[in-house]
C-alpha atoms as a PDB file:
ATOM      1  CA  MET A   1      16.155 173.507  73.577  1.00  0.00           C
ATOM      2  CA  GLY A   2      19.232 173.496  71.158  1.00  0.00           C
ATOM      3  CA  LYS A   3      17.435 170.406  69.336  1.00  0.00           C
ATOM      4  CA  GLU A   4      17.770 170.274  65.455  1.00  0.00           C
ATOM      5  CA  ILE A   5      14.997 169.513  63.476  1.00  0.00           C
ATOM      6  CA  GLU A   6      15.875 166.816  61.111  1.00  0.00           C
ATOM      7  CA  ILE A   7      14.829 167.648  57.642  1.00  0.00           C
ATOM      8  CA  ARG A   8      13.297 164.722  55.630  1.00  0.00           C
ATOM      9  CA  LEU A   9      12.459 166.194  52.088  1.00  0.00           C
ATOM     10  CA  LEU A  10      15.017 167.965  50.349  1.00  0.00           C
ATOM     11  CA  THR A  11      15.352 170.217  47.393  1.00  0.00           C
ATOM     12  CA  ALA A  12      17.308 169.274  44.264  1.00  0.00           C
ATOM     13  CA  PRO A  13      20.209 171.410  45.468  1.00  0.00           C
ATOM     14  CA  GLN A  14      19.833 170.135  49.229  1.00  0.00           C
ATOM     15  CA  ALA A  15      19.768 166.224  48.001  1.00  0.00           C
ATOM     16  CA  GLY A  16      22.795 166.893  45.372  1.00  0.00           C
ATOM     17  CA  LYS A  17      25.044 168.213  48.073  1.00  0.00           C
ATOM     18  CA  TYR A  18      23.872 165.201  50.293  1.00  0.00           C
ATOM     19  CA  LEU A  19      24.525 162.960  47.501  1.00  0.00           C
ATOM     20  CA  SER A  20      27.662 164.902  45.835  1.00  0.00           C
ATOM     21  CA  LEU A  21      25.512 165.074  42.572  1.00  0.00           C
ATOM     22  CA  HIS A  22      24.620 167.851  40.304  1.00  0.00           C
ATOM     23  CA  PRO A  23      20.704 168.797  40.734  1.00  0.00           C
ATOM     24  CA  LYS A  24      20.286 168.216  37.018  1.00  0.00           C
ATOM     25  CA  THR A  25      21.664 164.261  37.700  1.00  0.00           C
ATOM     26  CA  LEU A  26      18.969 164.072  40.468  1.00  0.00           C
ATOM     27  CA  TYR A  27      16.307 165.338  38.062  1.00  0.00           C
ATOM     28  CA  PHE A  28      17.603 163.028  35.235  1.00  0.00           C
ATOM     29  CA  LEU A  29      17.656 159.864  37.749  1.00  0.00           C
ATOM     30  CA  ALA A  30      13.985 161.050  39.046  1.00  0.00           C
ATOM     31  CA  ARG A  31      12.431 161.206  35.510  1.00  0.00           C
ATOM     32  CA  LYS A  32      14.083 157.490  35.012  1.00  0.00           C
ATOM     33  CA  GLY A  33      12.492 156.096  37.801  1.00  0.00           C
ATOM     34  CA  GLU A  34      15.794 155.238  39.560  1.00  0.00           C
ATOM     35  CA  ILE A  35      15.287 157.795  42.341  1.00  0.00           C
ATOM     36  CA  GLN A  36      11.736 158.464  43.996  1.00  0.00           C
ATOM     37  CA  SER A  37      10.850 162.179  44.033  1.00  0.00           C
ATOM     38  CA  LEU A  38       7.734 163.692  45.155  1.00  0.00           C
ATOM     39  CA  ARG A  39       5.987 166.821  43.209  1.00  0.00           C
ATOM     40  CA  ILE A  40       4.837 169.636  45.131  1.00  0.00           C
ATOM     41  CA  GLY A  41       2.581 171.809  43.455  1.00  0.00           C
ATOM     42  CA  LYS A  42       3.405 172.617  39.626  1.00  0.00           C
ATOM     43  CA  ARG A  43       7.353 173.025  39.813  1.00  0.00           C
ATOM     44  CA  GLY A  44       8.095 171.876  43.101  1.00  0.00           C
ATOM     45  CA  VAL A  45      10.085 168.403  43.429  1.00  0.00           C
ATOM     46  CA  ARG A  46      11.652 167.208  46.714  1.00  0.00           C
ATOM     47  CA  PHE A  47      13.827 164.008  47.368  1.00  0.00           C
ATOM     48  CA  ASP A  48      12.967 162.068  50.689  1.00  0.00           C
ATOM     49  CA  ARG A  49      16.432 161.472  52.308  1.00  0.00           C
ATOM     50  CA  ILE A  50      15.165 158.243  53.592  1.00  0.00           C
ATOM     51  CA  SER A  51      14.516 157.006  50.104  1.00  0.00           C
ATOM     52  CA  LEU A  52      18.282 158.260  49.190  1.00  0.00           C
ATOM     53  CA  ASP A  53      19.494 156.675  51.703  1.00  0.00           C
ATOM     54  CA  LYS A  54      17.745 153.371  50.584  1.00  0.00           C
ATOM     55  CA  TRP A  55      19.141 154.256  46.966  1.00  0.00           C
ATOM     56  CA  ILE A  56      22.642 154.347  48.184  1.00  0.00           C
ATOM     57  CA  GLU A  57      22.443 150.971  49.848  1.00  0.00           C
ATOM     58  CA  GLN A  58      20.936 149.308  47.028  1.00  0.00           C
ATOM     59  CA  LYS A  59      23.767 150.913  44.908  1.00  0.00           C
ATOM     60  CA  LEU A  60      26.485 149.871  47.326  1.00  0.00           C
ATOM     61  CA  ALA A  61      24.706 146.162  47.454  1.00  0.00           C
ATOM     62  CA  THR A  62      24.576 146.057  43.670  1.00  0.00           C
ATOM     63  CA  GLN A  63      28.468 146.873  43.341  1.00  0.00           C
ATOM     64  CA  LYS A  64      29.396 144.270  45.814  1.00  0.00           C
ATOM     65  CA  VAL A  65      27.658 141.495  44.061  1.00  0.00           C
ATOM     66  CA  ASP A  66      29.404 142.593  40.930  1.00  0.00           C
ATOM     67  CA  LYS A  67      32.513 142.429  42.531  1.00  0.00           C
ATOM     68  CA  LEU A  68      31.833 139.114  43.534  1.00  0.00           C
ATOM     69  CA  SER A  69      30.662 137.696  40.275  1.00  0.00           C
END
């Protein structure tokens, strides 16, 4: 009772809100292969929250390495 279900697969607007990015930017990054996406049916696209978290961590690690160089 009172438990929230954690949603793992996000729509582009939800993922955009999660990352503070426009949904079109997410589609662009997915097409480039920079962010993983999952196609559901012919038109549905979802973004895995855990994959998005990993992408953020990779970006942060890359920026830290660049600053150290």
